[in-house]
C-alpha atoms as a PDB file:
ATOM      1  CA  MET A   1      97.830  68.388 115.543  1.00  0.00           C
ATOM      2  CA  SER A   2     100.700  66.297 114.497  1.00  0.00           C
ATOM      3  CA  ALA A   3     101.693  63.363 116.639  1.00  0.00           C
ATOM      4  CA  ASP A   4     105.279  63.672 115.843  1.00  0.00           C
ATOM      5  CA  PHE A   5     106.105  66.779 117.844  1.00  0.00           C
ATOM      6  CA  GLU A   6     107.911  66.126 120.691  1.00  0.00           C
ATOM      7  CA  LEU A   7     107.286  68.235 123.860  1.00  0.00           C
ATOM      8  CA  ASP A   8     110.222  67.871 126.196  1.00  0.00           C
ATOM      9  CA  GLU A   9     111.740  70.147 128.741  1.00  0.00           C
ATOM     10  CA  ASN A  10     113.767  72.417 126.622  1.00  0.00           C
ATOM     11  CA  TRP A  11     111.479  72.594 123.723  1.00  0.00           C
ATOM     12  CA  LEU A  12     109.911  76.017 124.948  1.00  0.00           C
ATOM     13  CA  ASN A  13     113.237  77.395 125.403  1.00  0.00           C
ATOM     14  CA  ASP A  14     114.339  76.246 121.835  1.00  0.00           C
ATOM     15  CA  LEU A  15     111.391  77.762 120.411  1.00  0.00           C
ATOM     16  CA  VAL A  16     111.554  81.145 122.036  1.00  0.00           C
ATOM     17  CA  GLN A  17     115.226  81.101 121.203  1.00  0.00           C
ATOM     18  CA  GLY A  18     114.712  80.092 117.607  1.00  0.00           C
ATOM     19  CA  ARG A  19     117.214  77.202 117.859  1.00  0.00           C
ATOM     20  CA  GLY A  20     117.116  74.000 115.811  1.00  0.00           C
ATOM     21  CA  THR A  21     114.006  73.036 114.210  1.00  0.00           C
ATOM     22  CA  ALA A  22     111.545  73.958 116.959  1.00  0.00           C
ATOM     23  CA  ALA A  23     109.760  76.621 115.237  1.00  0.00           C
ATOM     24  CA  GLU A  24     109.140  74.686 112.293  1.00  0.00           C
ATOM     25  CA  ASP A  25     107.978  71.788 114.266  1.00  0.00           C
ATOM     26  CA  PHE A  26     105.707  73.969 116.150  1.00  0.00           C
ATOM     27  CA  VAL A  27     104.242  75.229 112.941  1.00  0.00           C
ATOM     28  CA  ALA A  28     103.663  71.668 111.260  1.00  0.00           C
ATOM     29  CA  ALA A  29     102.290  70.404 114.512  1.00  0.00           C
ATOM     30  CA  PHE A  30      99.910  73.174 115.517  1.00  0.00           C
ATOM     31  CA  GLY A  31      99.186  75.546 112.392  1.00  0.00           C
ATOM     32  CA  PRO A  32      96.640  73.475 110.482  1.00  0.00           C
ATOM     33  CA  GLY A  33      94.691  72.447 113.459  1.00  0.00           C
ATOM     34  CA  LEU A  34      94.657  76.230 114.717  1.00  0.00           C
ATOM     35  CA  GLU A  35      93.949  77.716 111.162  1.00  0.00           C
ATOM     36  CA  LYS A  36      91.026  75.331 110.898  1.00  0.00           C
ATOM     37  CA  ILE A  37      89.849  76.409 114.234  1.00  0.00           C
ATOM     38  CA  ALA A  38      90.028  80.144 113.508  1.00  0.00           C
ATOM     39  CA  ALA A  39      88.494  79.679 109.984  1.00  0.00           C
ATOM     40  CA  SER A  40      85.560  77.563 111.473  1.00  0.00           C
ATOM     41  CA  ASN A  41      84.746  80.569 113.880  1.00  0.00           C
ATOM     42  CA  MET A  42      85.226  83.289 111.384  1.00  0.00           C
ATOM     43  CA  THR A  43      82.319  84.879 109.440  1.00  0.00           C
ATOM     44  CA  PRO A  44      82.685  85.005 105.754  1.00  0.00           C
ATOM     45  CA  ALA A  45      82.718  88.873 105.798  1.00  0.00           C
ATOM     46  CA  LEU A  46      85.389  88.456 108.301  1.00  0.00           C
ATOM     47  CA  GLN A  47      87.436  86.041 106.240  1.00  0.00           C
ATOM     48  CA  GLN A  48      87.382  88.619 103.477  1.00  0.00           C
ATOM     49  CA  ARG A  49      89.479  90.980 105.689  1.00  0.00           C
ATOM     50  CA  VAL A  50      91.348  88.500 107.626  1.00  0.00           C
ATOM     51  CA  GLY A  51      92.671  85.095 106.718  1.00  0.00           C
ATOM     52  CA  ALA A  52      93.137  82.079 109.160  1.00  0.00           C
ATOM     53  CA  ASP A  53      96.745  82.252 108.345  1.00  0.00           C
ATOM     54  CA  ASP A  54      96.738  85.931 109.531  1.00  0.00           C
ATOM     55  CA  VAL A  55      95.178  84.725 113.010  1.00  0.00           C
ATOM     56  CA  PHE A  56      97.457  81.668 113.344  1.00  0.00           C
ATOM     57  CA  GLN A  57     100.614  84.220 112.753  1.00  0.00           C
ATOM     58  CA  SER A  58      99.262  86.467 115.415  1.00  0.00           C
ATOM     59  CA  VAL A  59      98.688  83.641 117.692  1.00  0.00           C
ATOM     60  CA  CYS A  60     102.399  82.659 117.268  1.00  0.00           C
ATOM     61  CA  ARG A  61     103.610  86.026 118.162  1.00  0.00           C
ATOM     62  CA  THR A  62     101.453  86.405 121.180  1.00  0.00           C
ATOM     63  CA  PHE A  63     102.218  82.953 122.457  1.00  0.00           C
ATOM     64  CA  LEU A  64     106.111  83.612 121.540  1.00  0.00           C
ATOM     65  CA  ARG A  65     106.398  87.018 123.339  1.00  0.00           C
ATOM     66  CA  ARG A  66     104.542  85.763 126.376  1.00  0.00           C
ATOM     67  CA  ALA A  67     106.547  82.428 126.814  1.00  0.00           C
ATOM     68  CA  ALA A  68     109.739  84.534 126.478  1.00  0.00           C
ATOM     69  CA  GLN A  69     108.279  86.441 129.390  1.00  0.00           C
ATOM     70  CA  GLY A  70     107.834  83.469 131.489  1.00  0.00           C
ATOM     71  CA  GLN A  71     104.055  83.692 131.606  1.00  0.00           C
ATOM     72  CA  PHE A  72     103.204  80.334 130.495  1.00  0.00           C
ATOM     73  CA  ALA A  73     103.554  76.872 132.258  1.00  0.00           C
ATOM     74  CA  VAL A  74     102.775  74.049 129.724  1.00  0.00           C
ATOM     75  CA  PRO A  75     103.602  70.776 131.379  1.00  0.00           C
ATOM     76  CA  ASP A  76     102.037  68.796 128.605  1.00  0.00           C
ATOM     77  CA  ARG A  77     100.838  68.707 125.031  1.00  0.00           C
ATOM     78  CA  ASP A  78      97.220  68.885 125.857  1.00  0.00           C
ATOM     79  CA  SER A  79      97.837  72.005 128.063  1.00  0.00           C
ATOM     80  CA  LEU A  80      99.692  73.495 125.261  1.00  0.00           C
ATOM     81  CA  TRP A  81      97.158  72.640 122.859  1.00  0.00           C
ATOM     82  CA  ARG A  82      94.227  74.000 125.220  1.00  0.00           C
ATOM     83  CA  LEU A  83      96.192  77.282 125.624  1.00  0.00           C
ATOM     84  CA  LEU A  84      96.852  77.809 122.013  1.00  0.00           C
ATOM     85  CA  CYS A  85      92.917  77.078 121.180  1.00  0.00           C
ATOM     86  CA  ALA A  86      92.144  79.959 123.784  1.00  0.00           C
ATOM     87  CA  ILE A  87      94.490  82.410 122.412  1.00  0.00           C
ATOM     88  CA  THR A  88      93.294  81.637 118.816  1.00  0.00           C
ATOM     89  CA  LEU A  89      89.490  82.244 119.886  1.00  0.00           C
ATOM     90  CA  ASN A  90      90.552  85.279 121.523  1.00  0.00           C
ATOM     91  CA  LYS A  91      92.298  86.395 118.328  1.00  0.00           C
ATOM     92  CA  VAL A  92      89.026  85.691 116.256  1.00  0.00           C
ATOM     93  CA  ARG A  93      86.912  87.698 118.547  1.00  0.00           C
ATOM     94  CA  MET A  94      89.237  90.514 118.894  1.00  0.00           C
ATOM     95  CA  GLN A  95      89.174  90.837 115.117  1.00  0.00           C
ATOM     96  CA  ALA A  96      85.506  90.480 114.671  1.00  0.00           C
ATOM     97  CA  ARG A  97      85.112  93.344 117.060  1.00  0.00           C
ATOM     98  CA  PHE A  98      87.792  95.415 115.297  1.00  0.00           C
ATOM     99  CA  HIS A  99      86.090  94.940 111.793  1.00  0.00           C
ATOM    100  CA  SER A 100      82.695  95.472 113.053  1.00  0.00           C
ATOM    101  CA  ALA A 101      83.347  98.783 115.181  1.00  0.00           C
ATOM    102  CA  GLN A 102      81.484 101.751 114.391  1.00  0.00           C
ATOM    103  CA  ARG A 103      82.844 103.825 111.652  1.00  0.00           C
ATOM    104  CA  ARG A 104      85.238 101.000 110.376  1.00  0.00           C
ATOM    105  CA  GLY A 105      84.763 101.007 106.733  1.00  0.00           C
ATOM    106  CA  ARG A 106      86.737 100.242 103.681  1.00  0.00           C
ATOM    107  CA  MET A 107      89.753 102.385 102.947  1.00  0.00           C
ATOM    108  CA  GLU A 108      89.137 103.870  99.678  1.00  0.00           C
ATOM    109  CA  SER A 109      91.653 105.755  97.538  1.00  0.00           C
ATOM    110  CA  THR A 110      90.563 108.453  95.202  1.00  0.00           C
ATOM    111  CA  PRO A 111      92.199 108.642  91.789  1.00  0.00           C
ATOM    112  CA  LEU A 112      93.433 111.937  90.493  1.00  0.00           C
ATOM    113  CA  GLU A 113      91.405 113.643  87.852  1.00  0.00           C
ATOM    114  CA  ALA A 114      93.048 114.311  84.732  1.00  0.00           C
ATOM    115  CA  GLY A 115      92.609 118.137  85.123  1.00  0.00           C
ATOM    116  CA  ASP A 116      94.870 117.768  88.396  1.00  0.00           C
ATOM    117  CA  ALA A 117      97.892 116.644  86.734  1.00  0.00           C
ATOM    118  CA  ARG A 118      98.042 119.885  84.777  1.00  0.00           C
ATOM    119  CA  GLN A 119      98.334 121.906  88.043  1.00  0.00           C
ATOM    120  CA  THR A 120     101.621 120.177  89.001  1.00  0.00           C
ATOM    121  CA  GLY A 121     103.743 122.043  86.546  1.00  0.00           C
ATOM    122  CA  VAL A 122     105.347 119.059  85.099  1.00  0.00           C
ATOM    123  CA  THR A 123     106.417 119.104  81.446  1.00  0.00           C
ATOM    124  CA  ALA A 124     105.726 116.298  79.051  1.00  0.00           C
ATOM    125  CA  GLU A 125     109.300 115.117  78.908  1.00  0.00           C
ATOM    126  CA  GLN A 126     109.356 115.016  82.804  1.00  0.00           C
ATOM    127  CA  ALA A 127     106.070 112.905  82.750  1.00  0.00           C
ATOM    128  CA  VAL A 128     107.547 110.404  80.291  1.00  0.00           C
ATOM    129  CA  GLU A 129     110.788 110.291  82.036  1.00  0.00           C
ATOM    130  CA  PHE A 130     108.943 109.496  85.296  1.00  0.00           C
ATOM    131  CA  ALA A 131     106.754 106.851  83.719  1.00  0.00           C
ATOM    132  CA  ASP A 132     109.739 105.126  82.246  1.00  0.00           C
ATOM    133  CA  GLU A 133     111.557 105.279  85.808  1.00  0.00           C
ATOM    134  CA  PHE A 134     108.369 104.251  87.433  1.00  0.00           C
ATOM    135  CA  ALA A 135     107.943 101.149  85.298  1.00  0.00           C
ATOM    136  CA  LYS A 136     111.292 100.344  85.996  1.00  0.00           C
ATOM    137  CA  LEU A 137     110.918 100.437  89.583  1.00  0.00           C
ATOM    138  CA  LEU A 138     107.705  98.401  89.388  1.00  0.00           C
ATOM    139  CA  GLU A 139     109.481  95.457  87.571  1.00  0.00           C
ATOM    140  CA  SER A 140     112.097  95.405  90.157  1.00  0.00           C
ATOM    141  CA  LEU A 141     109.721  94.483  92.717  1.00  0.00           C
ATOM    142  CA  PRO A 142     108.091  91.015  93.511  1.00  0.00           C
ATOM    143  CA  GLU A 143     105.538  90.220  91.095  1.00  0.00           C
ATOM    144  CA  ALA A 144     102.730  89.919  93.845  1.00  0.00           C
ATOM    145  CA  GLU A 145     103.770  93.595  95.205  1.00  0.00           C
ATOM    146  CA  GLY A 146     104.089  94.787  91.575  1.00  0.00           C
ATOM    147  CA  ARG A 147     100.505  93.733  90.624  1.00  0.00           C
ATOM    148  CA  ILE A 148      99.074  95.084  93.661  1.00  0.00           C
ATOM    149  CA  ILE A 149     100.493  98.507  93.038  1.00  0.00           C
ATOM    150  CA  ARG A 150      99.363  98.277  89.220  1.00  0.00           C
ATOM    151  CA  LEU A 151      95.770  97.309  90.423  1.00  0.00           C
ATOM    152  CA  LYS A 152      96.044 100.097  93.000  1.00  0.00           C
ATOM    153  CA  LEU A 153      96.949 102.652  90.272  1.00  0.00           C
ATOM    154  CA  ASP A 154      94.174 101.392  88.139  1.00  0.00           C
ATOM    155  CA  GLY A 155      91.867 102.601  90.829  1.00  0.00           C
ATOM    156  CA  HIS A 156      90.771  99.256  92.284  1.00  0.00           C
ATOM    157  CA  SER A 157      89.645  99.153  95.921  1.00  0.00           C
ATOM    158  CA  HIS A 158      91.545  96.758  98.656  1.00  0.00           C
ATOM    159  CA  THR A 159      88.276  94.571  98.193  1.00  0.00           C
ATOM    160  CA  GLU A 160      88.610  94.333  94.495  1.00  0.00           C
ATOM    161  CA  ILE A 161      92.236  93.450  94.638  1.00  0.00           C
ATOM    162  CA  ALA A 162      91.599  90.887  97.146  1.00  0.00           C
ATOM    163  CA  THR A 163      89.058  89.318  95.134  1.00  0.00           C
ATOM    164  CA  LYS A 164      91.144  89.523  91.960  1.00  0.00           C
ATOM    165  CA  LEU A 165      94.291  87.919  93.799  1.00  0.00           C
ATOM    166  CA  GLN A 166      92.173  85.570  95.910  1.00  0.00           C
ATOM    167  CA  CYS A 167      93.457  86.905  99.198  1.00  0.00           C
ATOM    168  CA  THR A 168      92.365  88.841 102.209  1.00  0.00           C
ATOM    169  CA  GLU A 169      92.078  92.713 102.348  1.00  0.00           C
ATOM    170  CA  ARG A 170      94.566  92.783 105.145  1.00  0.00           C
ATOM    171  CA  THR A 171      97.268  90.762 102.873  1.00  0.00           C
ATOM    172  CA  VAL A 172      96.642  93.445 100.081  1.00  0.00           C
ATOM    173  CA  GLY A 173      97.269  96.210 102.815  1.00  0.00           C
ATOM    174  CA  ARG A 174     100.240  94.495 103.837  1.00  0.00           C
ATOM    175  CA  LEU A 175     101.997  93.862 100.582  1.00  0.00           C
ATOM    176  CA  LEU A 176     100.862  97.686  99.643  1.00  0.00           C
ATOM    177  CA  VAL A 177     102.913  98.837 102.858  1.00  0.00           C
ATOM    178  CA  LYS A 178     105.898  96.706 101.889  1.00  0.00           C
ATOM    179  CA  ALA A 179     105.904  97.731  98.276  1.00  0.00           C
ATOM    180  CA  ARG A 180     105.731 101.339  99.117  1.00  0.00           C
ATOM    181  CA  ALA A 181     108.501 100.745 101.680  1.00  0.00           C
ATOM    182  CA  ALA A 182     110.552  99.061  98.726  1.00  0.00           C
ATOM    183  CA  LEU A 183     109.678 101.847  96.172  1.00  0.00           C
ATOM    184  CA  ALA A 184     110.695 104.703  98.683  1.00  0.00           C
ATOM    185  CA  SER A 185     113.904 102.889  99.484  1.00  0.00           C
ATOM    186  CA  MET A 186     114.823 102.474  95.804  1.00  0.00           C
ATOM    187  CA  LEU A 187     113.827 106.301  95.176  1.00  0.00           C
ATOM    188  CA  GLU A 188     116.347 107.165  97.769  1.00  0.00           C
ATOM    189  CA  GLU A 189     118.883 105.406  95.907  1.00  0.00           C
END
């Protein structure tokens, strides 16, 4: 925890309202410590699916939402730290329960077989034109999203992509959703 974070009477209101540098100060003061607590309480298997940074972001969302509703009274820095630690540990436990729940497996995608493409009624010229346009769309995406889409199109699973990119499966899923939305938006234009 950073010692230069000032906890005065207006800090929570500034944080909730997004004024000044309150958010940056909050993240700098509590982020590294809470991420360390999250990581030390997560199994390696859970860390493959959820990163400590994901847990910290979830803690921030919960804290800010509930603080905006006036649910917290944090008279001093130690009280705030204990509250944030409790939220962090609860988030880790919730993630562990979620990912170990019965029937919760890896999401797998099955690539189309070569014969399936012939049943679509697409001509060779249309397929080439589509491939060119799709390549242009992929190039317009941010690098990480484009790379994930290419790996997914090559038939890689979320786990394989996460390993290749050295991130969590959740990050892969989040970037895929973002990339799909961007591609859909571009296709509408």
